[in-house]
Amino acid sequence: MFVTQAQSGEPSLDGVACVQCHLIKQVDRTKQPPEPKYDLGSKTMYGPYKDFAQNLAHQSMELGLFHKSDLCLNCHQVVPAAADLGKSNDLLGNWDQSKAVKSGKECQTCHMPEQVGESANGEAKRKVANHTFPGRIGQLRQEAAKLEVSTKVEGEKTTVTVAVQSLVPHNLPTTHPGWASVVLELDIKGKNLKTVFNDKRVYGRTYADAKGQKTVFDFEAIKVLEETVLKPEEKRVETFTFTTPKDTKTFDVEAILSYAPVTGPSAFLQRIEAESSKGAQDPVFQSIPIAKFSENIPVAR
């Protein structure tokens, strides 16, 4: 329903509002994707706290589900619009087998940490869950991965090996291809800091539509053409080989892992810019670094 409304250009629901989560009473994980059961027959809003604030808008009730990852799965385990893709449409990977989950962490531990603030406009500040959902934006991304880089100079040939260690308990990245891909870029600077070699690896997912054309839209997808996402807590080793920089005693190796800017057809990008309060300055149009590495390497003579 939400996809159809979005495609029409006149959605009655724009984005995720309170009721999409706080009317959920249970989640049926036997269904694929997991199916939320909404309590539509009352004015009760569910949440994680016993000390909820009384108000005239709705009744409130504590529900243990709001402390569990199950609450998040009906939206974030798969893309409902591309459900026919089956297991290849799995956004999270084997998250439930990760070290984080085995240690007792839930999605909310990282993506909805407690803070002091309002849970509704005008309410007294108290301890509530963070609803900015840190991930791509915020310091949490700096804990998502780390880089280990080694350089081997062999005469006229140099090899740089970059080990990308994912530190998160789910696929990296997880969401729709247009909105989320991760890029590892290697830049080699020689004499006068001039770039003499540049290459990259892209981690993400590429879909094909009914015409066999590549698409970033999951609602057009009938097939996964390529998947290079980093699996939960995976360590992936990338190798780059290039000609050793000449006329210099040293050269610089710079590696950076970043979230890539949003991609897609120009009309799609123009609409995002038009609807964003920040316009072209919206963070989705910017490359956002996750991890960096730099080193100066001597050239043996």
C-alpha atoms as a PDB file:
ATOM      1  CA  MET A   1       0.000   0.000   0.000  1.00  0.00           C
ATOM      2  CA  PHE A   2       2.725   2.470   0.968  1.00  0.00           C
ATOM      3  CA  VAL A   3       4.678   1.768  -2.249  1.00  0.00           C
ATOM      4  CA  THR A   4       1.571   2.296  -4.413  1.00  0.00           C
ATOM      5  CA  GLN A   5       0.877   5.580  -2.654  1.00  0.00           C
ATOM      6  CA  ALA A   6       4.466   6.739  -3.035  1.00  0.00           C
ATOM      7  CA  GLN A   7       4.451   5.926  -6.754  1.00  0.00           C
ATOM      8  CA  SER A   8       1.227   7.879  -7.208  1.00  0.00           C
ATOM      9  CA  GLY A   9       2.965  11.016  -5.978  1.00  0.00           C
ATOM     10  CA  GLU A  10       0.197  11.663  -3.450  1.00  0.00           C
ATOM     11  CA  PRO A  11       0.867   9.440  -0.443  1.00  0.00           C
ATOM     12  CA  SER A  12      -1.584   9.750   2.434  1.00  0.00           C
ATOM     13  CA  LEU A  13       1.223   8.600   4.729  1.00  0.00           C
ATOM     14  CA  ASP A  14       4.626  10.177   4.110  1.00  0.00           C
ATOM     15  CA  GLY A  15       7.408   8.378   5.929  1.00  0.00           C
ATOM     16  CA  VAL A  16       7.119   6.529   9.222  1.00  0.00           C
ATOM     17  CA  ALA A  17       4.865   8.063  11.861  1.00  0.00           C
ATOM     18  CA  CYS A  18       4.102   7.020  15.448  1.00  0.00           C
ATOM     19  CA  VAL A  19       1.307   4.557  14.704  1.00  0.00           C
ATOM     20  CA  GLN A  20       3.317   2.366  12.318  1.00  0.00           C
ATOM     21  CA  CYS A  21       5.191   1.056  15.365  1.00  0.00           C
ATOM     22  CA  HIS A  22       3.216   1.947  18.468  1.00  0.00           C
ATOM     23  CA  LEU A  23       0.003   0.176  17.419  1.00  0.00           C
ATOM     24  CA  ILE A  24       1.855  -3.122  16.957  1.00  0.00           C
ATOM     25  CA  LYS A  25       0.800  -5.630  19.610  1.00  0.00           C
ATOM     26  CA  GLN A  26       2.752  -8.628  18.330  1.00  0.00           C
ATOM     27  CA  VAL A  27       4.865  -9.800  15.368  1.00  0.00           C
ATOM     28  CA  ASP A  28       4.305 -13.153  13.670  1.00  0.00           C
ATOM     29  CA  ARG A  29       7.790 -14.417  12.756  1.00  0.00           C
ATOM     30  CA  THR A  30       6.406 -17.554  11.113  1.00  0.00           C
ATOM     31  CA  LYS A  31       5.469 -15.357   8.124  1.00  0.00           C
ATOM     32  CA  GLN A  32       7.952 -14.069   5.551  1.00  0.00           C
ATOM     33  CA  PRO A  33       8.292 -11.170   5.830  1.00  0.00           C
ATOM     34  CA  PRO A  34       7.362 -11.172   9.549  1.00  0.00           C
ATOM     35  CA  GLU A  35       3.828  -9.871   9.927  1.00  0.00           C
ATOM     36  CA  PRO A  36       2.850  -7.238  12.505  1.00  0.00           C
ATOM     37  CA  LYS A  37      -0.467  -7.555  14.295  1.00  0.00           C
ATOM     38  CA  TYR A  38      -1.970  -4.106  14.843  1.00  0.00           C
ATOM     39  CA  ASP A  39      -4.382  -3.263  17.636  1.00  0.00           C
ATOM     40  CA  LEU A  40      -6.806  -1.122  15.642  1.00  0.00           C
ATOM     41  CA  GLY A  41      -9.841  -1.626  17.860  1.00  0.00           C
ATOM     42  CA  SER A  42      -8.729   0.617  20.702  1.00  0.00           C
ATOM     43  CA  LYS A  43      -6.907   3.867  21.338  1.00  0.00           C
ATOM     44  CA  THR A  44      -4.026   2.120  23.092  1.00  0.00           C
ATOM     45  CA  MET A  45      -0.465   2.943  22.080  1.00  0.00           C
ATOM     46  CA  TYR A  46       2.162   0.397  23.127  1.00  0.00           C
ATOM     47  CA  GLY A  47       5.702   1.135  24.250  1.00  0.00           C
ATOM     48  CA  PRO A  48       8.635  -0.031  26.395  1.00  0.00           C
ATOM     49  CA  TYR A  49       8.076   1.939  29.618  1.00  0.00           C
ATOM     50  CA  LYS A  50       6.106   1.296  32.785  1.00  0.00           C
ATOM     51  CA  ASP A  51       6.222   4.976  33.786  1.00  0.00           C
ATOM     52  CA  PHE A  52       4.427   6.251  30.680  1.00  0.00           C
ATOM     53  CA  ALA A  53       2.922   9.723  30.855  1.00  0.00           C
ATOM     54  CA  GLN A  54      -0.862   9.966  31.063  1.00  0.00           C
ATOM     55  CA  ASN A  55      -2.419  12.046  28.281  1.00  0.00           C
ATOM     56  CA  LEU A  56      -5.768  12.826  26.657  1.00  0.00           C
ATOM     57  CA  ALA A  57      -4.814  11.623  23.165  1.00  0.00           C
ATOM     58  CA  HIS A  58      -4.586   7.873  23.805  1.00  0.00           C
ATOM     59  CA  GLN A  59      -4.200   5.128  26.371  1.00  0.00           C
ATOM     60  CA  SER A  60      -0.705   3.714  26.943  1.00  0.00           C
ATOM     61  CA  MET A  61       0.521   0.242  27.827  1.00  0.00           C
ATOM     62  CA  GLU A  62       3.938  -1.279  28.447  1.00  0.00           C
ATOM     63  CA  LEU A  63       4.789  -4.143  26.084  1.00  0.00           C
ATOM     64  CA  GLY A  64       7.952  -6.251  26.235  1.00  0.00           C
ATOM     65  CA  LEU A  65       8.003  -6.503  22.425  1.00  0.00           C
ATOM     66  CA  PHE A  66       9.358  -2.936  22.322  1.00  0.00           C
ATOM     67  CA  HIS A  67      12.601  -4.108  23.918  1.00  0.00           C
ATOM     68  CA  LYS A  68      13.052  -6.839  21.280  1.00  0.00           C
ATOM     69  CA  SER A  69      14.458  -6.961  17.758  1.00  0.00           C
ATOM     70  CA  ASP A  70      11.244  -8.703  16.656  1.00  0.00           C
ATOM     71  CA  LEU A  71       9.557  -5.296  16.582  1.00  0.00           C
ATOM     72  CA  CYS A  72      11.904  -4.131  13.821  1.00  0.00           C
ATOM     73  CA  LEU A  73      11.770  -7.202  11.582  1.00  0.00           C
ATOM     74  CA  ASN A  74       8.483  -6.588   9.779  1.00  0.00           C
ATOM     75  CA  CYS A  75      10.065  -3.595   8.019  1.00  0.00           C
ATOM     76  CA  HIS A  76      13.784  -4.284   8.115  1.00  0.00           C
ATOM     77  CA  GLN A  77      14.234  -7.982   7.429  1.00  0.00           C
ATOM     78  CA  VAL A  78      13.096  -7.817   3.815  1.00  0.00           C
ATOM     79  CA  VAL A  79      11.705  -5.323   1.334  1.00  0.00           C
ATOM     80  CA  PRO A  80       7.985  -6.212   1.145  1.00  0.00           C
ATOM     81  CA  ALA A  81       7.723  -4.792  -2.370  1.00  0.00           C
ATOM     82  CA  ALA A  82      10.305  -7.327  -3.551  1.00  0.00           C
ATOM     83  CA  ALA A  83       9.082 -10.285  -1.493  1.00  0.00           C
ATOM     84  CA  ASP A  84       9.015 -12.546  -4.579  1.00  0.00           C
ATOM     85  CA  LEU A  85      12.814 -12.510  -4.549  1.00  0.00           C
ATOM     86  CA  GLY A  86      12.764 -14.799  -1.527  1.00  0.00           C
ATOM     87  CA  LYS A  87      15.972 -15.334   0.435  1.00  0.00           C
ATOM     88  CA  SER A  88      18.003 -13.169  -1.962  1.00  0.00           C
ATOM     89  CA  ASN A  89      15.939 -10.245  -0.691  1.00  0.00           C
ATOM     90  CA  ASP A  90      17.192 -10.738   2.883  1.00  0.00           C
ATOM     91  CA  LEU A  91      18.349  -7.331   4.098  1.00  0.00           C
ATOM     92  CA  LEU A  92      19.871  -8.282   7.442  1.00  0.00           C
ATOM     93  CA  GLY A  93      21.667 -11.572   6.789  1.00  0.00           C
ATOM     94  CA  ASN A  94      22.163 -14.071   9.628  1.00  0.00           C
ATOM     95  CA  TRP A  95      21.872 -11.369  12.267  1.00  0.00           C
ATOM     96  CA  ASP A  96      20.405 -13.748  14.851  1.00  0.00           C
ATOM     97  CA  GLN A  97      23.634 -15.817  14.799  1.00  0.00           C
ATOM     98  CA  SER A  98      25.893 -12.822  15.438  1.00  0.00           C
ATOM     99  CA  LYS A  99      28.117 -12.246  18.458  1.00  0.00           C
ATOM    100  CA  ALA A 100      26.084  -9.156  19.328  1.00  0.00           C
ATOM    101  CA  VAL A 101      22.809 -11.058  19.574  1.00  0.00           C
ATOM    102  CA  LYS A 102      24.419 -13.905  21.507  1.00  0.00           C
ATOM    103  CA  SER A 103      25.702 -11.327  24.008  1.00  0.00           C
ATOM    104  CA  GLY A 104      22.143 -10.108  24.594  1.00  0.00           C
ATOM    105  CA  LYS A 105      22.020  -7.043  22.351  1.00  0.00           C
ATOM    106  CA  GLU A 106      18.841  -6.103  20.479  1.00  0.00           C
ATOM    107  CA  CYS A 107      18.390  -3.701  17.534  1.00  0.00           C
ATOM    108  CA  GLN A 108      17.317  -1.020  20.006  1.00  0.00           C
ATOM    109  CA  THR A 109      20.615  -1.282  21.907  1.00  0.00           C
ATOM    110  CA  CYS A 110      22.453   0.532  19.117  1.00  0.00           C
ATOM    111  CA  HIS A 111      19.742   2.149  17.009  1.00  0.00           C
ATOM    112  CA  MET A 112      17.429   3.432  19.775  1.00  0.00           C
ATOM    113  CA  PRO A 113      19.703   4.118  22.771  1.00  0.00           C
ATOM    114  CA  GLU A 114      18.162   5.805  25.791  1.00  0.00           C
ATOM    115  CA  GLN A 115      18.429   9.574  26.120  1.00  0.00           C
ATOM    116  CA  VAL A 116      16.772  12.376  28.057  1.00  0.00           C
ATOM    117  CA  GLY A 117      14.132  14.211  26.051  1.00  0.00           C
ATOM    118  CA  GLU A 118      10.446  14.596  25.151  1.00  0.00           C
ATOM    119  CA  SER A 119       8.444  11.657  23.854  1.00  0.00           C
ATOM    120  CA  ALA A 120       5.813  14.119  22.581  1.00  0.00           C
ATOM    121  CA  ASN A 121       5.718  17.879  22.063  1.00  0.00           C
ATOM    122  CA  GLY A 122       5.370  19.747  25.334  1.00  0.00           C
ATOM    123  CA  GLU A 123       5.905  16.736  27.566  1.00  0.00           C
ATOM    124  CA  ALA A 124       8.312  16.978  30.493  1.00  0.00           C
ATOM    125  CA  LYS A 125      11.759  15.679  29.637  1.00  0.00           C
ATOM    126  CA  ARG A 126      12.569  12.218  30.920  1.00  0.00           C
ATOM    127  CA  LYS A 127      14.427   9.072  29.901  1.00  0.00           C
ATOM    128  CA  VAL A 128      13.146   7.937  26.485  1.00  0.00           C
ATOM    129  CA  ALA A 129      14.386   5.942  23.507  1.00  0.00           C
ATOM    130  CA  ASN A 130      16.257   7.891  20.831  1.00  0.00           C
ATOM    131  CA  HIS A 131      13.978   8.146  17.784  1.00  0.00           C
ATOM    132  CA  THR A 132      16.593   9.563  15.385  1.00  0.00           C
ATOM    133  CA  PHE A 133      17.659   5.943  14.702  1.00  0.00           C
ATOM    134  CA  PRO A 134      21.433   6.545  14.495  1.00  0.00           C
ATOM    135  CA  GLY A 135      23.284   4.534  11.880  1.00  0.00           C
ATOM    136  CA  ARG A 136      24.447   6.165   8.665  1.00  0.00           C
ATOM    137  CA  ILE A 137      24.173   9.536  10.417  1.00  0.00           C
ATOM    138  CA  GLY A 138      25.811   9.998  13.821  1.00  0.00           C
ATOM    139  CA  GLN A 139      28.809   8.603  15.660  1.00  0.00           C
ATOM    140  CA  LEU A 140      27.489   5.037  15.573  1.00  0.00           C
ATOM    141  CA  ARG A 141      28.724   4.629  11.989  1.00  0.00           C
ATOM    142  CA  GLN A 142      32.311   4.973  13.255  1.00  0.00           C
ATOM    143  CA  GLU A 143      31.770   1.696  15.106  1.00  0.00           C
ATOM    144  CA  ALA A 144      30.473  -0.083  11.997  1.00  0.00           C
ATOM    145  CA  ALA A 145      33.781  -1.239  10.501  1.00  0.00           C
ATOM    146  CA  LYS A 146      37.549  -0.991  10.689  1.00  0.00           C
ATOM    147  CA  LEU A 147      40.328  -1.199   8.107  1.00  0.00           C
ATOM    148  CA  GLU A 148      43.628  -3.081   8.228  1.00  0.00           C
ATOM    149  CA  VAL A 149      46.004  -2.086   5.414  1.00  0.00           C
ATOM    150  CA  SER A 150      49.335  -3.555   4.340  1.00  0.00           C
ATOM    151  CA  THR A 151      51.571  -2.452   1.463  1.00  0.00           C
ATOM    152  CA  LYS A 152      54.207  -4.532  -0.324  1.00  0.00           C
ATOM    153  CA  VAL A 153      56.609  -2.876  -2.775  1.00  0.00           C
ATOM    154  CA  GLU A 154      58.267  -5.289  -5.209  1.00  0.00           C
ATOM    155  CA  GLY A 155      60.308  -3.279  -7.686  1.00  0.00           C
ATOM    156  CA  GLU A 156      57.989  -1.776 -10.273  1.00  0.00           C
ATOM    157  CA  LYS A 157      54.918  -3.479  -8.793  1.00  0.00           C
ATOM    158  CA  THR A 158      53.164  -2.572  -5.555  1.00  0.00           C
ATOM    159  CA  THR A 159      50.347  -4.482  -3.885  1.00  0.00           C
ATOM    160  CA  VAL A 160      48.065  -3.001  -1.242  1.00  0.00           C
ATOM    161  CA  THR A 161      45.878  -5.358   0.750  1.00  0.00           C
ATOM    162  CA  VAL A 162      42.903  -3.909   2.613  1.00  0.00           C
ATOM    163  CA  ALA A 163      41.012  -6.027   5.132  1.00  0.00           C
ATOM    164  CA  VAL A 164      37.534  -4.630   5.752  1.00  0.00           C
ATOM    165  CA  GLN A 165      36.192  -5.889   9.071  1.00  0.00           C
ATOM    166  CA  SER A 166      32.478  -5.369   9.590  1.00  0.00           C
ATOM    167  CA  LEU A 167      31.692  -4.846  13.264  1.00  0.00           C
ATOM    168  CA  VAL A 168      27.909  -4.902  12.954  1.00  0.00           C
ATOM    169  CA  PRO A 169      25.588  -7.902  13.471  1.00  0.00           C
ATOM    170  CA  HIS A 170      23.742  -7.423  10.164  1.00  0.00           C
ATOM    171  CA  ASN A 171      24.553  -6.935   6.496  1.00  0.00           C
ATOM    172  CA  LEU A 172      26.433  -3.750   5.672  1.00  0.00           C
ATOM    173  CA  PRO A 173      24.678  -1.963   4.070  1.00  0.00           C
ATOM    174  CA  THR A 174      21.156  -3.238   4.758  1.00  0.00           C
ATOM    175  CA  THR A 175      18.597  -1.082   2.989  1.00  0.00           C
ATOM    176  CA  HIS A 176      17.367  -0.155  -0.484  1.00  0.00           C
ATOM    177  CA  PRO A 177      20.177   0.067  -3.091  1.00  0.00           C
ATOM    178  CA  GLY A 178      19.400   3.638  -4.094  1.00  0.00           C
ATOM    179  CA  TRP A 179      19.707   4.823  -0.522  1.00  0.00           C
ATOM    180  CA  ALA A 180      22.544   2.709   0.780  1.00  0.00           C
ATOM    181  CA  SER A 181      25.769   1.421  -0.667  1.00  0.00           C
ATOM    182  CA  VAL A 182      29.175   1.358   0.975  1.00  0.00           C
ATOM    183  CA  VAL A 183      32.344   2.180  -0.951  1.00  0.00           C
ATOM    184  CA  LEU A 184      35.973   1.309  -0.210  1.00  0.00           C
ATOM    185  CA  GLU A 185      38.245   3.715  -2.092  1.00  0.00           C
ATOM    186  CA  LEU A 186      42.017   3.431  -2.380  1.00  0.00           C
ATOM    187  CA  ASP A 187      43.987   6.505  -3.431  1.00  0.00           C
ATOM    188  CA  ILE A 188      47.742   6.467  -4.059  1.00  0.00           C
ATOM    189  CA  LYS A 189      49.528   9.818  -4.103  1.00  0.00           C
ATOM    190  CA  GLY A 190      53.019  10.136  -5.543  1.00  0.00           C
ATOM    191  CA  LYS A 191      55.264  13.125  -6.187  1.00  0.00           C
ATOM    192  CA  ASN A 192      53.740  16.482  -5.172  1.00  0.00           C
ATOM    193  CA  LEU A 193      50.777  14.557  -3.713  1.00  0.00           C
ATOM    194  CA  LYS A 194      49.465  13.848  -7.199  1.00  0.00           C
ATOM    195  CA  THR A 195      47.115  10.860  -7.464  1.00  0.00           C
ATOM    196  CA  VAL A 196      48.824   8.143  -9.512  1.00  0.00           C
ATOM    197  CA  PHE A 197      46.368   5.321  -8.818  1.00  0.00           C
ATOM    198  CA  ASN A 198      42.751   5.159  -7.681  1.00  0.00           C
ATOM    199  CA  ASP A 199      40.377   2.229  -7.425  1.00  0.00           C
ATOM    200  CA  LYS A 200      37.337   1.223  -5.408  1.00  0.00           C
ATOM    201  CA  ARG A 201      35.105  -1.635  -4.307  1.00  0.00           C
ATOM    202  CA  VAL A 202      31.360  -1.190  -3.890  1.00  0.00           C
ATOM    203  CA  TYR A 203      29.337  -3.130  -1.330  1.00  0.00           C
ATOM    204  CA  GLY A 204      25.622  -3.297  -1.991  1.00  0.00           C
ATOM    205  CA  ARG A 205      22.959  -4.903  -4.114  1.00  0.00           C
ATOM    206  CA  THR A 206      21.991  -4.500  -7.766  1.00  0.00           C
ATOM    207  CA  TYR A 207      18.466  -5.373  -8.921  1.00  0.00           C
ATOM    208  CA  ALA A 208      17.045  -6.009 -12.394  1.00  0.00           C
ATOM    209  CA  ASP A 209      13.552  -4.960 -13.456  1.00  0.00           C
ATOM    210  CA  ALA A 210      11.126  -6.823 -15.743  1.00  0.00           C
ATOM    211  CA  LYS A 211      12.992  -5.536 -18.819  1.00  0.00           C
ATOM    212  CA  GLY A 212      16.323  -6.804 -17.535  1.00  0.00           C
ATOM    213  CA  GLN A 213      17.567  -3.289 -16.850  1.00  0.00           C
ATOM    214  CA  LYS A 214      19.443  -2.385 -13.676  1.00  0.00           C
ATOM    215  CA  THR A 215      17.337  -0.577 -11.097  1.00  0.00           C
ATOM    216  CA  VAL A 216      17.845   0.832  -7.602  1.00  0.00           C
ATOM    217  CA  PHE A 217      14.115   0.527  -6.857  1.00  0.00           C
ATOM    218  CA  ASP A 218      13.095  -2.575  -4.929  1.00  0.00           C
ATOM    219  CA  PHE A 219       9.469  -2.198  -6.076  1.00  0.00           C
ATOM    220  CA  GLU A 220      10.648  -2.725  -9.679  1.00  0.00           C
ATOM    221  CA  ALA A 221      12.917  -5.664  -8.860  1.00  0.00           C
ATOM    222  CA  ILE A 222      12.319  -9.178 -10.149  1.00  0.00           C
ATOM    223  CA  LYS A 223      15.891 -10.424  -9.799  1.00  0.00           C
ATOM    224  CA  VAL A 224      19.104  -9.752  -7.882  1.00  0.00           C
ATOM    225  CA  LEU A 225      21.888  -9.253 -10.437  1.00  0.00           C
ATOM    226  CA  GLU A 226      24.719  -8.844  -7.977  1.00  0.00           C
ATOM    227  CA  GLU A 227      25.182  -8.797  -4.226  1.00  0.00           C
ATOM    228  CA  THR A 228      28.411  -7.667  -2.614  1.00  0.00           C
ATOM    229  CA  VAL A 229      27.154  -6.605   0.828  1.00  0.00           C
ATOM    230  CA  LEU A 230      29.373  -7.353   3.800  1.00  0.00           C
ATOM    231  CA  LYS A 231      27.765 -10.152   5.774  1.00  0.00           C
ATOM    232  CA  PRO A 232      27.300  -9.875   9.555  1.00  0.00           C
ATOM    233  CA  GLU A 233      30.705  -9.413  11.239  1.00  0.00           C
ATOM    234  CA  GLU A 234      32.453 -10.487   8.007  1.00  0.00           C
ATOM    235  CA  LYS A 235      36.110  -9.767   7.293  1.00  0.00           C
ATOM    236  CA  ARG A 236      36.669  -9.246   3.579  1.00  0.00           C
ATOM    237  CA  VAL A 237      40.122  -8.872   2.049  1.00  0.00           C
ATOM    238  CA  GLU A 238      40.557  -6.698  -1.045  1.00  0.00           C
ATOM    239  CA  THR A 239      43.757  -6.606  -3.129  1.00  0.00           C
ATOM    240  CA  PHE A 240      44.917  -3.707  -5.292  1.00  0.00           C
ATOM    241  CA  THR A 241      47.957  -3.915  -7.602  1.00  0.00           C
ATOM    242  CA  PHE A 242      49.544  -0.977  -9.420  1.00  0.00           C
ATOM    243  CA  THR A 243      52.809   0.342 -10.821  1.00  0.00           C
ATOM    244  CA  THR A 244      55.114   1.641  -8.099  1.00  0.00           C
ATOM    245  CA  PRO A 245      55.161   5.469  -8.245  1.00  0.00           C
ATOM    246  CA  LYS A 246      58.266   6.833  -9.971  1.00  0.00           C
ATOM    247  CA  ASP A 247      60.484   9.869  -9.319  1.00  0.00           C
ATOM    248  CA  THR A 248      59.714   9.890  -5.603  1.00  0.00           C
ATOM    249  CA  LYS A 249      61.268   8.487  -2.435  1.00  0.00           C
ATOM    250  CA  THR A 250      57.901   7.849  -0.797  1.00  0.00           C
ATOM    251  CA  PHE A 251      54.230   7.669  -1.669  1.00  0.00           C
ATOM    252  CA  ASP A 252      51.013   7.954   0.333  1.00  0.00           C
ATOM    253  CA  VAL A 253      48.436   5.201   0.724  1.00  0.00           C
ATOM    254  CA  GLU A 254      44.962   6.430   1.636  1.00  0.00           C
ATOM    255  CA  ALA A 255      42.010   4.096   2.171  1.00  0.00           C
ATOM    256  CA  ILE A 256      38.537   5.229   3.148  1.00  0.00           C
ATOM    257  CA  LEU A 257      35.321   3.296   3.715  1.00  0.00           C
ATOM    258  CA  SER A 258      32.217   5.457   3.273  1.00  0.00           C
ATOM    259  CA  TYR A 259      28.485   5.443   2.823  1.00  0.00           C
ATOM    260  CA  ALA A 260      27.927   6.551  -0.771  1.00  0.00           C
ATOM    261  CA  PRO A 261      25.534   9.371  -1.707  1.00  0.00           C
ATOM    262  CA  VAL A 262      22.020   8.415  -2.779  1.00  0.00           C
ATOM    263  CA  THR A 263      21.867   7.238  -6.403  1.00  0.00           C
ATOM    264  CA  GLY A 264      19.171   6.783  -9.025  1.00  0.00           C
ATOM    265  CA  PRO A 265      17.443   8.446 -11.997  1.00  0.00           C
ATOM    266  CA  SER A 266      17.688  12.238 -12.143  1.00  0.00           C
ATOM    267  CA  ALA A 267      13.942  12.656 -11.532  1.00  0.00           C
ATOM    268  CA  PHE A 268      14.275  10.611  -8.329  1.00  0.00           C
ATOM    269  CA  LEU A 269      17.206  12.705  -7.093  1.00  0.00           C
ATOM    270  CA  GLN A 270      15.467  15.961  -8.017  1.00  0.00           C
ATOM    271  CA  ARG A 271      12.391  14.967  -6.047  1.00  0.00           C
ATOM    272  CA  ILE A 272      14.475  14.185  -2.959  1.00  0.00           C
ATOM    273  CA  GLU A 273      16.139  17.582  -3.248  1.00  0.00           C
ATOM    274  CA  ALA A 274      12.801  19.344  -3.705  1.00  0.00           C
ATOM    275  CA  GLU A 275      11.155  17.653  -0.714  1.00  0.00           C
ATOM    276  CA  SER A 276      14.105  17.944   1.676  1.00  0.00           C
ATOM    277  CA  SER A 277      14.229  21.001   3.928  1.00  0.00           C
ATOM    278  CA  LYS A 278      17.992  21.069   3.290  1.00  0.00           C
ATOM    279  CA  GLY A 279      17.723  20.750  -0.480  1.00  0.00           C
ATOM    280  CA  ALA A 280      20.974  19.770  -2.176  1.00  0.00           C
ATOM    281  CA  GLN A 281      22.750  20.076   1.192  1.00  0.00           C
ATOM    282  CA  ASP A 282      20.855  17.102   2.606  1.00  0.00           C
ATOM    283  CA  PRO A 283      23.320  14.514   4.006  1.00  0.00           C
ATOM    284  CA  VAL A 284      21.924  11.850   1.656  1.00  0.00           C
ATOM    285  CA  PHE A 285      23.725  13.623  -1.202  1.00  0.00           C
ATOM    286  CA  GLN A 286      27.058  13.446   0.604  1.00  0.00           C
ATOM    287  CA  SER A 287      29.642  10.730   1.063  1.00  0.00           C
ATOM    288  CA  ILE A 288      29.806   9.916   4.784  1.00  0.00           C
ATOM    289  CA  PRO A 289      33.048   8.330   6.075  1.00  0.00           C
ATOM    290  CA  ILE A 290      32.961   5.223   8.256  1.00  0.00           C
ATOM    291  CA  ALA A 291      36.678   4.409   8.621  1.00  0.00           C
ATOM    292  CA  LYS A 292      39.929   5.895   7.294  1.00  0.00           C
ATOM    293  CA  PHE A 293      43.562   4.816   6.993  1.00  0.00           C
ATOM    294  CA  SER A 294      46.638   6.655   5.703  1.00  0.00           C
ATOM    295  CA  GLU A 295      50.325   5.765   5.598  1.00  0.00           C
ATOM    296  CA  ASN A 296      53.495   7.028   3.941  1.00  0.00           C
ATOM    297  CA  ILE A 297      55.445   4.245   2.219  1.00  0.00           C
ATOM    298  CA  PRO A 298      59.164   4.446   1.306  1.00  0.00           C
ATOM    299  CA  VAL A 299      60.216   3.304  -2.157  1.00  0.00           C
ATOM    300  CA  ALA A 300      63.211   0.973  -1.874  1.00  0.00           C
ATOM    301  CA  ARG A 301      66.022   1.698  -4.350  1.00  0.00           C
END
